[in-house]
N, C-alpha and C. Protein backbone atom coordinates (compact mmCIF):
# COMPACT_ATOMS: atom_id res chain seq x y z
N ARG A 1 111.09 105.16 81.90
CA ARG A 1 111.68 103.85 82.07
C ARG A 1 112.11 103.33 80.72
N CYS A 2 113.28 102.72 80.64
CA CYS A 2 113.74 102.19 79.37
C CYS A 2 113.41 100.70 79.28
N TRP A 3 113.23 100.23 78.07
CA TRP A 3 112.86 98.85 77.84
C TRP A 3 113.80 98.27 76.80
N GLN A 4 114.59 97.26 77.19
CA GLN A 4 115.53 96.60 76.29
C GLN A 4 116.50 97.59 75.66
N GLU A 5 116.94 98.54 76.43
CA GLU A 5 117.89 99.52 75.92
C GLU A 5 118.66 100.09 77.11
N PRO A 6 119.97 100.29 76.98
CA PRO A 6 120.75 100.83 78.10
C PRO A 6 120.23 102.19 78.54
N LEU A 7 120.26 102.43 79.84
CA LEU A 7 119.74 103.68 80.38
C LEU A 7 120.48 104.89 79.81
N ARG A 8 121.80 104.78 79.66
CA ARG A 8 122.57 105.91 79.15
C ARG A 8 122.08 106.32 77.76
N ARG A 9 121.79 105.34 76.91
CA ARG A 9 121.31 105.64 75.56
C ARG A 9 119.88 106.17 75.61
N ALA A 10 119.07 105.61 76.51
CA ALA A 10 117.68 106.06 76.62
C ALA A 10 117.61 107.51 77.10
N LEU A 11 118.54 107.90 77.95
CA LEU A 11 118.58 109.28 78.41
C LEU A 11 118.98 110.23 77.29
N ALA A 12 119.96 109.81 76.51
CA ALA A 12 120.49 110.68 75.45
C ALA A 12 119.59 110.72 74.22
N GLN A 13 118.90 109.60 73.95
CA GLN A 13 118.03 109.51 72.78
C GLN A 13 116.66 109.03 73.22
N PRO A 14 115.91 109.88 73.90
CA PRO A 14 114.65 109.45 74.51
C PRO A 14 113.54 109.19 73.50
N LYS A 15 112.78 108.14 73.78
CA LYS A 15 111.53 107.89 73.06
C LYS A 15 110.42 108.20 74.05
N ILE A 16 109.78 109.33 73.87
CA ILE A 16 108.81 109.81 74.85
C ILE A 16 107.40 109.55 74.35
N ARG A 17 106.59 108.91 75.20
CA ARG A 17 105.21 108.61 74.86
C ARG A 17 104.32 109.79 75.20
N VAL A 18 103.54 110.25 74.24
CA VAL A 18 102.65 111.39 74.46
C VAL A 18 101.29 111.08 73.86
N ALA A 19 100.26 111.77 74.39
CA ALA A 19 98.91 111.58 73.87
C ALA A 19 98.71 112.30 72.55
N SER A 20 99.41 113.41 72.35
CA SER A 20 99.31 114.15 71.10
C SER A 20 100.65 114.79 70.79
N ALA A 21 100.85 115.13 69.52
CA ALA A 21 102.13 115.70 69.08
C ALA A 21 102.41 117.04 69.76
N LYS A 22 101.37 117.74 70.19
CA LYS A 22 101.56 119.04 70.83
C LYS A 22 102.31 118.92 72.16
N GLU A 23 102.28 117.74 72.77
CA GLU A 23 102.91 117.55 74.07
C GLU A 23 104.40 117.23 73.98
N VAL A 24 104.89 116.96 72.77
CA VAL A 24 106.28 116.54 72.62
C VAL A 24 107.27 117.59 73.14
N PRO A 25 107.18 118.88 72.73
CA PRO A 25 108.17 119.85 73.22
C PRO A 25 108.19 119.97 74.74
N ARG A 26 107.01 119.96 75.35
CA ARG A 26 106.94 120.07 76.81
C ARG A 26 107.56 118.85 77.48
N SER A 27 107.26 117.66 76.96
CA SER A 27 107.81 116.44 77.54
C SER A 27 109.32 116.38 77.38
N ARG A 28 109.83 116.84 76.25
CA ARG A 28 111.28 116.85 76.05
C ARG A 28 111.96 117.84 76.99
N SER A 29 111.30 118.95 77.24
CA SER A 29 111.84 119.92 78.20
C SER A 29 111.84 119.33 79.61
N LEU A 30 110.80 118.58 79.96
CA LEU A 30 110.77 117.91 81.26
C LEU A 30 111.85 116.84 81.35
N HIS A 31 112.12 116.17 80.24
CA HIS A 31 113.19 115.17 80.21
C HIS A 31 114.53 115.83 80.56
N ALA A 32 114.79 116.97 79.95
CA ALA A 32 116.02 117.71 80.25
C ALA A 32 116.00 118.24 81.68
N ALA A 33 114.82 118.68 82.15
CA ALA A 33 114.71 119.23 83.51
C ALA A 33 115.02 118.18 84.57
N PHE A 34 114.55 116.95 84.37
CA PHE A 34 114.84 115.89 85.33
C PHE A 34 116.34 115.60 85.40
N GLN A 35 116.99 115.58 84.25
CA GLN A 35 118.44 115.34 84.25
C GLN A 35 119.18 116.49 84.93
N ALA A 36 118.71 117.71 84.68
CA ALA A 36 119.32 118.87 85.34
C ALA A 36 119.10 118.82 86.85
N LEU A 37 117.93 118.33 87.27
CA LEU A 37 117.64 118.20 88.69
C LEU A 37 118.60 117.21 89.36
N HIS A 38 118.84 116.08 88.70
CA HIS A 38 119.78 115.10 89.25
C HIS A 38 121.19 115.69 89.32
N ALA A 39 121.56 116.46 88.29
CA ALA A 39 122.88 117.10 88.30
C ALA A 39 122.98 118.12 89.44
N PHE A 40 121.90 118.86 89.68
CA PHE A 40 121.88 119.84 90.77
C PHE A 40 122.04 119.13 92.12
N ARG A 41 121.34 118.01 92.27
CA ARG A 41 121.42 117.29 93.55
C ARG A 41 122.82 116.72 93.79
N GLU A 42 123.45 116.24 92.74
CA GLU A 42 124.83 115.76 92.89
C GLU A 42 125.77 116.90 93.24
N GLU A 43 125.51 118.06 92.67
CA GLU A 43 126.36 119.22 92.89
C GLU A 43 126.16 119.84 94.27
N GLN A 44 124.89 119.95 94.71
CA GLN A 44 124.57 120.67 95.94
C GLN A 44 124.27 119.75 97.13
N GLY A 45 124.01 118.48 96.85
CA GLY A 45 123.67 117.55 97.93
C GLY A 45 122.26 117.72 98.45
N ARG A 46 121.40 118.37 97.69
CA ARG A 46 120.01 118.61 98.09
C ARG A 46 119.20 118.96 96.86
N LEU A 47 117.88 119.01 97.05
CA LEU A 47 116.99 119.47 95.99
C LEU A 47 116.90 121.00 96.02
N PRO A 48 116.48 121.63 94.93
CA PRO A 48 116.31 123.08 94.95
C PRO A 48 115.28 123.50 96.00
N ARG A 49 115.55 124.58 96.70
CA ARG A 49 114.59 125.09 97.66
C ARG A 49 113.36 125.62 96.92
N PRO A 50 112.17 125.39 97.48
CA PRO A 50 110.94 125.84 96.80
C PRO A 50 110.95 127.34 96.54
N ARG A 51 110.73 127.71 95.29
CA ARG A 51 110.61 129.10 94.84
C ARG A 51 111.89 129.91 95.06
N ALA A 52 113.02 129.25 95.27
CA ALA A 52 114.29 129.96 95.45
C ALA A 52 114.84 130.32 94.07
N LEU A 53 114.92 131.60 93.78
CA LEU A 53 115.29 132.05 92.44
C LEU A 53 116.69 131.59 92.04
N ALA A 54 117.63 131.63 92.98
CA ALA A 54 119.01 131.23 92.66
C ALA A 54 119.08 129.74 92.30
N ASP A 55 118.37 128.91 93.06
CA ASP A 55 118.37 127.47 92.77
C ASP A 55 117.69 127.18 91.44
N THR A 56 116.59 127.88 91.17
CA THR A 56 115.88 127.69 89.90
C THR A 56 116.78 128.08 88.73
N ALA A 57 117.50 129.18 88.88
CA ALA A 57 118.40 129.63 87.82
C ALA A 57 119.51 128.62 87.58
N ARG A 58 120.00 127.99 88.64
CA ARG A 58 121.07 127.00 88.48
C ARG A 58 120.56 125.76 87.75
N VAL A 59 119.36 125.30 88.08
CA VAL A 59 118.79 124.15 87.38
C VAL A 59 118.61 124.47 85.89
N LEU A 60 118.15 125.67 85.59
CA LEU A 60 117.99 126.07 84.19
C LEU A 60 119.33 126.10 83.48
N GLU A 61 120.35 126.60 84.16
CA GLU A 61 121.69 126.64 83.57
C GLU A 61 122.19 125.22 83.26
N LEU A 62 121.94 124.30 84.18
CA LEU A 62 122.34 122.91 83.96
C LEU A 62 121.57 122.29 82.80
N ALA A 63 120.28 122.60 82.71
CA ALA A 63 119.47 122.07 81.61
C ALA A 63 119.98 122.57 80.26
N ARG A 64 120.37 123.83 80.22
CA ARG A 64 120.92 124.38 78.97
C ARG A 64 122.23 123.70 78.59
N SER A 65 123.04 123.37 79.60
CA SER A 65 124.37 122.81 79.33
C SER A 65 124.34 121.34 78.97
N LEU A 66 123.24 120.65 79.26
CA LEU A 66 123.18 119.22 79.00
C LEU A 66 123.25 118.90 77.51
N GLY A 67 122.54 119.71 76.72
CA GLY A 67 122.57 119.53 75.28
C GLY A 67 121.94 118.23 74.82
N VAL A 68 121.00 117.66 75.62
CA VAL A 68 120.41 116.38 75.25
C VAL A 68 119.02 116.54 74.63
N GLN A 69 118.38 117.68 74.88
CA GLN A 69 117.03 117.84 74.37
C GLN A 69 117.04 117.99 72.86
N GLN A 70 116.08 117.38 72.22
CA GLN A 70 115.93 117.48 70.77
C GLN A 70 114.86 118.53 70.50
N GLY A 71 115.27 119.64 69.95
CA GLY A 71 114.35 120.74 69.77
C GLY A 71 114.61 121.79 70.83
N PRO A 72 113.93 122.93 70.74
CA PRO A 72 114.17 124.04 71.68
C PRO A 72 113.74 123.68 73.10
N LEU A 73 114.48 124.22 74.06
CA LEU A 73 114.17 124.01 75.48
C LEU A 73 113.14 125.04 75.92
N ASP A 74 112.04 124.59 76.50
CA ASP A 74 111.03 125.49 77.05
C ASP A 74 111.50 125.91 78.44
N GLU A 75 112.10 127.07 78.54
CA GLU A 75 112.71 127.50 79.79
C GLU A 75 111.67 127.77 80.87
N ASP A 76 110.47 128.17 80.49
CA ASP A 76 109.41 128.38 81.49
C ASP A 76 109.03 127.07 82.17
N VAL A 77 109.00 125.98 81.39
CA VAL A 77 108.70 124.66 81.96
C VAL A 77 109.79 124.25 82.94
N VAL A 78 111.05 124.48 82.58
CA VAL A 78 112.17 124.11 83.45
C VAL A 78 112.13 124.94 84.74
N ARG A 79 111.84 126.23 84.61
CA ARG A 79 111.76 127.08 85.81
C ARG A 79 110.64 126.61 86.74
N ALA A 80 109.47 126.35 86.16
CA ALA A 80 108.35 125.88 86.98
C ALA A 80 108.67 124.56 87.65
N PHE A 81 109.28 123.67 86.91
CA PHE A 81 109.67 122.36 87.44
C PHE A 81 110.64 122.51 88.61
N ALA A 82 111.67 123.32 88.41
CA ALA A 82 112.69 123.48 89.44
C ALA A 82 112.13 124.13 90.70
N SER A 83 111.20 125.07 90.53
CA SER A 83 110.70 125.84 91.67
C SER A 83 109.87 125.00 92.64
N VAL A 84 109.34 123.85 92.17
CA VAL A 84 108.49 123.03 93.03
C VAL A 84 109.00 121.59 93.16
N SER A 85 110.20 121.32 92.67
CA SER A 85 110.69 119.94 92.61
C SER A 85 110.92 119.32 93.99
N ALA A 86 111.02 120.14 95.03
CA ALA A 86 111.19 119.60 96.39
C ALA A 86 109.86 119.20 97.01
N GLY A 87 108.76 119.54 96.36
CA GLY A 87 107.44 119.24 96.91
C GLY A 87 106.94 117.87 96.51
N ASP A 88 105.83 117.48 97.10
CA ASP A 88 105.16 116.24 96.70
C ASP A 88 103.67 116.40 96.94
N LEU A 89 102.89 115.86 96.01
CA LEU A 89 101.43 115.97 96.07
C LEU A 89 100.83 114.57 96.10
N CYS A 90 99.99 114.32 97.09
CA CYS A 90 99.39 113.01 97.25
C CYS A 90 98.63 112.54 96.01
N PRO A 91 97.75 113.35 95.41
CA PRO A 91 97.01 112.86 94.23
C PRO A 91 97.94 112.48 93.07
N MET A 92 98.99 113.26 92.86
CA MET A 92 99.93 112.94 91.79
C MET A 92 100.70 111.66 92.11
N ALA A 93 101.09 111.51 93.38
CA ALA A 93 101.80 110.29 93.79
C ALA A 93 100.92 109.06 93.62
N SER A 94 99.62 109.20 93.92
CA SER A 94 98.69 108.09 93.76
C SER A 94 98.57 107.69 92.29
N THR A 95 98.51 108.69 91.41
CA THR A 95 98.39 108.43 89.98
C THR A 95 99.63 107.74 89.43
N VAL A 96 100.80 108.30 89.74
CA VAL A 96 102.05 107.73 89.24
C VAL A 96 102.29 106.35 89.84
N GLY A 97 101.97 106.18 91.13
CA GLY A 97 102.15 104.88 91.77
C GLY A 97 101.29 103.81 91.14
N ALA A 98 100.04 104.16 90.82
CA ALA A 98 99.15 103.20 90.17
C ALA A 98 99.66 102.81 88.79
N MET A 99 100.17 103.79 88.05
CA MET A 99 100.72 103.51 86.73
C MET A 99 101.96 102.61 86.83
N ALA A 100 102.82 102.89 87.81
CA ALA A 100 104.03 102.08 87.98
C ALA A 100 103.67 100.64 88.35
N ALA A 101 102.66 100.48 89.22
CA ALA A 101 102.23 99.13 89.60
C ALA A 101 101.68 98.38 88.39
N GLN A 102 100.93 99.08 87.55
CA GLN A 102 100.37 98.45 86.35
C GLN A 102 101.48 97.98 85.41
N GLU A 103 102.50 98.83 85.24
CA GLU A 103 103.60 98.47 84.35
C GLU A 103 104.41 97.30 84.92
N ALA A 104 104.56 97.26 86.25
CA ALA A 104 105.28 96.15 86.88
C ALA A 104 104.53 94.83 86.67
N LEU A 105 103.20 94.88 86.79
CA LEU A 105 102.40 93.68 86.57
C LEU A 105 102.50 93.20 85.13
N LYS A 106 102.55 94.14 84.19
CA LYS A 106 102.72 93.76 82.78
C LYS A 106 104.03 93.00 82.59
N ALA A 107 105.10 93.53 83.18
CA ALA A 107 106.41 92.91 83.02
C ALA A 107 106.48 91.55 83.69
N ILE A 108 105.86 91.43 84.87
CA ILE A 108 105.93 90.18 85.63
C ILE A 108 105.11 89.07 84.97
N THR A 109 103.90 89.42 84.53
CA THR A 109 103.01 88.40 83.97
C THR A 109 103.30 88.10 82.51
N GLY A 110 103.89 89.06 81.80
CA GLY A 110 104.15 88.86 80.38
C GLY A 110 102.92 88.87 79.52
N LYS A 111 101.79 89.33 80.07
CA LYS A 111 100.54 89.31 79.30
C LYS A 111 100.41 90.51 78.38
N PHE A 112 100.98 91.63 78.80
CA PHE A 112 100.91 92.84 77.99
C PHE A 112 102.31 93.45 77.89
N LEU A 113 102.52 94.25 76.87
CA LEU A 113 103.82 94.88 76.67
C LEU A 113 103.93 96.11 77.56
N PRO A 114 104.93 96.17 78.44
CA PRO A 114 105.09 97.36 79.29
C PRO A 114 105.41 98.60 78.47
N LEU A 115 105.20 99.73 79.08
CA LEU A 115 105.49 101.01 78.45
C LEU A 115 106.96 101.08 78.07
N GLU A 116 107.24 101.48 76.85
CA GLU A 116 108.62 101.57 76.40
C GLU A 116 109.17 102.97 76.63
N GLN A 117 110.28 103.01 77.36
CA GLN A 117 111.00 104.26 77.61
C GLN A 117 110.24 105.23 78.49
N TRP A 118 109.97 106.46 78.05
CA TRP A 118 109.61 107.54 78.96
C TRP A 118 108.18 108.02 78.77
N LEU A 119 107.52 108.29 79.90
CA LEU A 119 106.20 108.92 79.91
C LEU A 119 106.22 109.97 81.01
N TYR A 120 105.96 111.21 80.64
CA TYR A 120 105.95 112.30 81.63
C TYR A 120 104.52 112.75 81.88
N VAL A 121 104.16 112.81 83.16
CA VAL A 121 102.84 113.26 83.58
C VAL A 121 103.02 114.52 84.41
N ASP A 122 102.37 115.59 84.03
CA ASP A 122 102.52 116.83 84.79
C ASP A 122 101.20 117.58 84.83
N ALA A 123 101.14 118.52 85.75
CA ALA A 123 99.98 119.41 85.87
C ALA A 123 100.50 120.81 86.17
N LEU A 124 101.45 121.25 85.34
CA LEU A 124 102.09 122.55 85.58
C LEU A 124 101.10 123.70 85.51
N GLU A 125 99.97 123.48 84.83
CA GLU A 125 98.98 124.56 84.75
C GLU A 125 98.43 124.92 86.13
N CYS A 126 98.53 124.00 87.09
CA CYS A 126 98.06 124.30 88.46
C CYS A 126 98.87 125.42 89.10
N LEU A 127 100.12 125.59 88.66
CA LEU A 127 100.97 126.62 89.24
C LEU A 127 100.56 128.02 88.80
N ALA A 128 99.69 128.10 87.78
CA ALA A 128 99.22 129.40 87.31
C ALA A 128 97.91 129.81 87.97
N LEU A 129 97.39 128.98 88.88
CA LEU A 129 96.15 129.31 89.55
C LEU A 129 96.33 130.55 90.42
N GLU A 130 95.22 131.26 90.62
CA GLU A 130 95.26 132.46 91.46
C GLU A 130 95.79 132.11 92.85
N GLY A 131 96.77 132.85 93.30
CA GLY A 131 97.36 132.59 94.60
C GLY A 131 98.60 131.73 94.55
N ALA A 132 98.81 131.01 93.45
CA ALA A 132 99.99 130.14 93.34
C ALA A 132 101.08 130.76 92.48
N ALA A 133 100.68 131.61 91.54
CA ALA A 133 101.64 132.14 90.57
C ALA A 133 102.66 133.09 91.21
N GLY A 134 102.25 133.85 92.23
CA GLY A 134 103.14 134.86 92.80
C GLY A 134 103.77 134.47 94.12
N LEU A 135 103.88 133.18 94.39
CA LEU A 135 104.43 132.73 95.67
C LEU A 135 105.93 133.02 95.77
N THR A 136 106.39 133.21 97.00
CA THR A 136 107.80 133.47 97.25
C THR A 136 108.41 132.30 98.01
N GLU A 137 109.72 132.36 98.19
CA GLU A 137 110.42 131.31 98.94
C GLU A 137 109.90 131.24 100.38
N GLU A 138 109.59 132.38 100.96
CA GLU A 138 109.07 132.41 102.33
C GLU A 138 107.69 131.76 102.41
N ASP A 139 106.85 131.99 101.41
CA ASP A 139 105.50 131.40 101.39
C ASP A 139 105.56 129.87 101.40
N CYS A 140 106.59 129.31 100.76
CA CYS A 140 106.66 127.86 100.56
C CYS A 140 107.69 127.17 101.45
N ALA A 141 108.26 127.90 102.40
CA ALA A 141 109.26 127.32 103.29
C ALA A 141 108.63 126.27 104.20
N PRO A 142 109.38 125.24 104.61
CA PRO A 142 108.84 124.20 105.50
C PRO A 142 108.35 124.78 106.82
N ARG A 143 107.24 124.23 107.30
CA ARG A 143 106.66 124.65 108.59
C ARG A 143 106.78 123.57 109.65
N GLY A 144 107.46 122.47 109.35
CA GLY A 144 107.49 121.36 110.29
C GLY A 144 106.16 120.64 110.33
N SER A 145 105.43 120.67 109.22
CA SER A 145 104.10 120.08 109.13
C SER A 145 104.15 118.85 108.25
N ARG A 146 103.20 117.95 108.45
CA ARG A 146 103.10 116.78 107.57
C ARG A 146 102.73 117.19 106.15
N TYR A 147 102.29 118.43 105.98
CA TYR A 147 101.88 118.92 104.66
C TYR A 147 102.95 119.80 104.01
N ASP A 148 104.18 119.73 104.50
CA ASP A 148 105.24 120.58 103.95
C ASP A 148 105.47 120.32 102.46
N GLY A 149 105.30 119.07 102.03
CA GLY A 149 105.47 118.76 100.62
C GLY A 149 104.48 119.50 99.74
N GLN A 150 103.27 119.66 100.24
CA GLN A 150 102.23 120.39 99.50
C GLN A 150 102.43 121.90 99.62
N ILE A 151 102.87 122.34 100.80
CA ILE A 151 103.17 123.76 101.00
C ILE A 151 104.28 124.21 100.06
N ALA A 152 105.24 123.32 99.79
CA ALA A 152 106.34 123.65 98.88
C ALA A 152 105.83 123.97 97.48
N VAL A 153 104.68 123.45 97.12
CA VAL A 153 104.12 123.67 95.78
C VAL A 153 103.13 124.83 95.76
N PHE A 154 102.21 124.84 96.72
CA PHE A 154 101.10 125.80 96.68
C PHE A 154 101.14 126.86 97.78
N GLY A 155 102.06 126.73 98.74
CA GLY A 155 102.19 127.75 99.77
C GLY A 155 101.35 127.48 101.00
N ALA A 156 101.70 128.15 102.10
CA ALA A 156 101.05 127.93 103.39
C ALA A 156 99.61 128.44 103.40
N THR A 157 99.35 129.55 102.71
CA THR A 157 97.99 130.10 102.70
C THR A 157 97.01 129.14 102.05
N PHE A 158 97.44 128.51 100.96
CA PHE A 158 96.61 127.52 100.29
C PHE A 158 96.32 126.34 101.22
N GLN A 159 97.34 125.91 101.98
CA GLN A 159 97.15 124.79 102.89
C GLN A 159 96.15 125.13 103.99
N GLU A 160 96.22 126.35 104.48
CA GLU A 160 95.25 126.78 105.49
C GLU A 160 93.84 126.81 104.92
N LEU A 161 93.71 127.22 103.67
CA LEU A 161 92.41 127.24 103.01
C LEU A 161 91.85 125.83 102.86
N LEU A 162 92.71 124.88 102.51
CA LEU A 162 92.27 123.48 102.43
C LEU A 162 91.74 123.00 103.78
N GLY A 163 92.43 123.37 104.84
CA GLY A 163 92.04 122.93 106.17
C GLY A 163 90.69 123.47 106.62
N ARG A 164 90.24 124.58 106.03
CA ARG A 164 88.96 125.19 106.43
C ARG A 164 87.77 124.68 105.61
N GLN A 165 88.02 123.80 104.65
CA GLN A 165 86.94 123.34 103.78
C GLN A 165 85.93 122.48 104.55
N LYS A 166 84.70 122.45 104.03
CA LYS A 166 83.63 121.63 104.60
C LYS A 166 83.07 120.75 103.48
N TYR A 167 83.22 119.43 103.64
CA TYR A 167 82.86 118.49 102.59
C TYR A 167 81.94 117.40 103.12
N LEU A 168 81.07 116.92 102.22
CA LEU A 168 80.23 115.75 102.49
C LEU A 168 80.62 114.69 101.47
N VAL A 169 81.00 113.51 101.96
CA VAL A 169 81.34 112.39 101.08
C VAL A 169 80.24 111.35 101.19
N VAL A 170 79.58 111.06 100.08
CA VAL A 170 78.50 110.08 100.05
C VAL A 170 79.06 108.77 99.50
N GLY A 171 79.16 107.77 100.35
CA GLY A 171 79.69 106.48 99.95
C GLY A 171 81.12 106.31 100.42
N ALA A 172 81.38 105.24 101.18
CA ALA A 172 82.72 104.96 101.69
C ALA A 172 83.14 103.55 101.29
N GLY A 173 82.89 103.23 100.02
CA GLY A 173 83.32 101.94 99.49
C GLY A 173 84.74 102.03 98.98
N ALA A 174 85.05 101.28 97.93
CA ALA A 174 86.42 101.24 97.42
C ALA A 174 86.89 102.62 96.96
N ILE A 175 86.06 103.30 96.16
CA ILE A 175 86.44 104.63 95.68
C ILE A 175 86.40 105.64 96.82
N GLY A 176 85.38 105.55 97.66
CA GLY A 176 85.27 106.47 98.78
C GLY A 176 86.44 106.37 99.74
N CYS A 177 86.90 105.14 100.00
CA CYS A 177 88.05 104.96 100.90
C CYS A 177 89.31 105.60 100.32
N GLU A 178 89.52 105.42 99.03
CA GLU A 178 90.69 106.03 98.39
C GLU A 178 90.59 107.55 98.43
N LEU A 179 89.39 108.06 98.20
CA LEU A 179 89.17 109.50 98.25
C LEU A 179 89.44 110.05 99.65
N LEU A 180 88.94 109.37 100.67
CA LEU A 180 89.14 109.82 102.04
C LEU A 180 90.61 109.75 102.44
N LYS A 181 91.30 108.73 101.97
CA LYS A 181 92.74 108.63 102.24
C LYS A 181 93.47 109.83 101.66
N ASN A 182 93.14 110.17 100.41
CA ASN A 182 93.79 111.32 99.78
C ASN A 182 93.42 112.62 100.48
N PHE A 183 92.17 112.75 100.90
CA PHE A 183 91.75 113.95 101.64
C PHE A 183 92.60 114.11 102.90
N ALA A 184 92.79 113.01 103.63
CA ALA A 184 93.57 113.06 104.87
C ALA A 184 95.02 113.44 104.58
N MET A 185 95.60 112.87 103.53
CA MET A 185 97.00 113.15 103.21
C MET A 185 97.18 114.57 102.67
N MET A 186 96.12 115.14 102.10
CA MET A 186 96.17 116.53 101.62
C MET A 186 95.87 117.54 102.72
N GLY A 187 95.25 117.08 103.81
CA GLY A 187 94.85 118.00 104.87
C GLY A 187 93.53 118.68 104.59
N LEU A 188 92.72 118.12 103.70
CA LEU A 188 91.42 118.71 103.38
C LEU A 188 90.49 118.62 104.59
N ALA A 189 89.96 119.76 105.01
CA ALA A 189 89.05 119.85 106.15
C ALA A 189 89.71 119.41 107.45
N ALA A 190 91.05 119.43 107.50
CA ALA A 190 91.76 118.96 108.69
C ALA A 190 92.09 120.08 109.66
N GLY A 191 91.74 121.32 109.33
CA GLY A 191 92.02 122.44 110.22
C GLY A 191 90.96 122.60 111.29
N PRO A 192 91.17 123.53 112.22
CA PRO A 192 90.21 123.74 113.32
C PRO A 192 88.80 124.08 112.83
N ASP A 193 88.68 124.77 111.70
CA ASP A 193 87.37 125.17 111.20
C ASP A 193 86.86 124.25 110.09
N GLY A 194 87.59 123.20 109.79
CA GLY A 194 87.18 122.29 108.73
C GLY A 194 86.17 121.27 109.21
N ASP A 195 85.45 120.67 108.26
CA ASP A 195 84.47 119.66 108.63
C ASP A 195 84.32 118.67 107.48
N LEU A 196 84.42 117.39 107.80
CA LEU A 196 84.27 116.34 106.79
C LEU A 196 83.26 115.32 107.31
N THR A 197 82.15 115.18 106.60
CA THR A 197 81.10 114.24 106.98
C THR A 197 81.04 113.12 105.95
N VAL A 198 81.00 111.88 106.44
CA VAL A 198 80.96 110.71 105.56
C VAL A 198 79.68 109.94 105.85
N THR A 199 78.95 109.59 104.80
CA THR A 199 77.73 108.81 104.98
C THR A 199 77.74 107.62 104.03
N ASP A 200 77.32 106.47 104.55
CA ASP A 200 77.23 105.25 103.74
C ASP A 200 76.23 104.33 104.43
N MET A 201 75.18 103.95 103.73
CA MET A 201 74.11 103.14 104.33
C MET A 201 74.44 101.65 104.33
N ASP A 202 75.55 101.26 103.72
CA ASP A 202 75.90 99.84 103.61
C ASP A 202 76.67 99.39 104.85
N THR A 203 76.89 98.08 104.95
CA THR A 203 77.70 97.52 106.03
C THR A 203 78.96 96.90 105.43
N VAL A 204 79.94 96.64 106.28
CA VAL A 204 81.22 96.09 105.83
C VAL A 204 81.16 94.57 105.83
N ALA A 205 81.55 93.97 104.70
CA ALA A 205 81.60 92.52 104.56
C ALA A 205 83.05 92.07 104.39
N LEU A 206 83.29 90.79 104.60
CA LEU A 206 84.65 90.26 104.49
C LEU A 206 85.23 90.50 103.10
N SER A 207 84.40 90.40 102.07
CA SER A 207 84.88 90.59 100.70
C SER A 207 85.30 92.03 100.41
N ASN A 208 84.91 92.96 101.28
CA ASN A 208 85.28 94.37 101.08
C ASN A 208 86.72 94.66 101.48
N LEU A 209 87.27 93.89 102.40
CA LEU A 209 88.55 94.24 103.02
C LEU A 209 89.72 94.38 102.04
N PRO A 210 89.83 93.53 101.00
CA PRO A 210 90.99 93.67 100.11
C PRO A 210 91.03 94.99 99.35
N ARG A 211 89.89 95.66 99.17
CA ARG A 211 89.87 96.87 98.35
C ARG A 211 89.41 98.12 99.11
N GLN A 212 89.12 97.99 100.39
CA GLN A 212 88.67 99.14 101.18
C GLN A 212 89.59 99.28 102.38
N LEU A 213 90.60 100.13 102.22
CA LEU A 213 91.72 100.16 103.16
C LEU A 213 91.39 100.75 104.53
N LEU A 214 90.24 101.38 104.68
CA LEU A 214 89.91 101.98 105.97
C LEU A 214 89.30 101.00 106.96
N TYR A 215 88.98 99.79 106.50
CA TYR A 215 88.28 98.84 107.35
C TYR A 215 89.17 97.67 107.73
N ARG A 216 88.82 97.05 108.88
CA ARG A 216 89.52 95.87 109.38
C ARG A 216 88.48 94.80 109.72
N SER A 217 88.96 93.64 110.13
CA SER A 217 88.05 92.53 110.43
C SER A 217 87.04 92.91 111.51
N ALA A 218 87.45 93.75 112.44
CA ALA A 218 86.55 94.15 113.53
C ALA A 218 85.37 94.98 113.04
N ASP A 219 85.47 95.54 111.83
CA ASP A 219 84.39 96.37 111.29
C ASP A 219 83.30 95.56 110.59
N ILE A 220 83.54 94.26 110.39
CA ILE A 220 82.56 93.42 109.69
C ILE A 220 81.33 93.24 110.58
N SER A 221 80.16 93.45 109.99
CA SER A 221 78.92 93.31 110.77
C SER A 221 78.03 92.23 110.17
């Protein structure tokens, strides 16, 4: 996001916020990758198909042609980005959404200075996990499932494995409710052989409702 600066200039001359200097090359490559992704979508009218080699190659070609990155382009980062850009992950969406809400509150209240320009958050190392590194386009193709966004990243076999998990969640308060929501959106223990047990010795009070999204007025005891 740019702050007090035209978007066109912010794209061409990015100020990227990083936790350490080691993250700068990767973040700059992601900056170029996002612009290449937008160019691909304008060109093709769609996002790259998950793990489709031809689409990934085209995004990389566009990233090379942009000429906006300062420093060398990490082509492995661009390839990884392009191969899963059609997917979506609930935990990552929750993290980015919370950060965006925080920045909006800063801007609205004027109490704190909002983040200036660009911040990239990624977990590309997850794509190197066993079972995820060698996925094909067929492995990640849509199944007509509510979890297709996750399948696009980690494949159908991984999704089936998530569905077979057996978990015990102790506590269903504010944090527990958020955890259970994410479990449901991920499909954790949602398969025929999965099992999710929740235990909480407390009762629901009126003051809990604003921060515990699983409860309603009828649950107050």
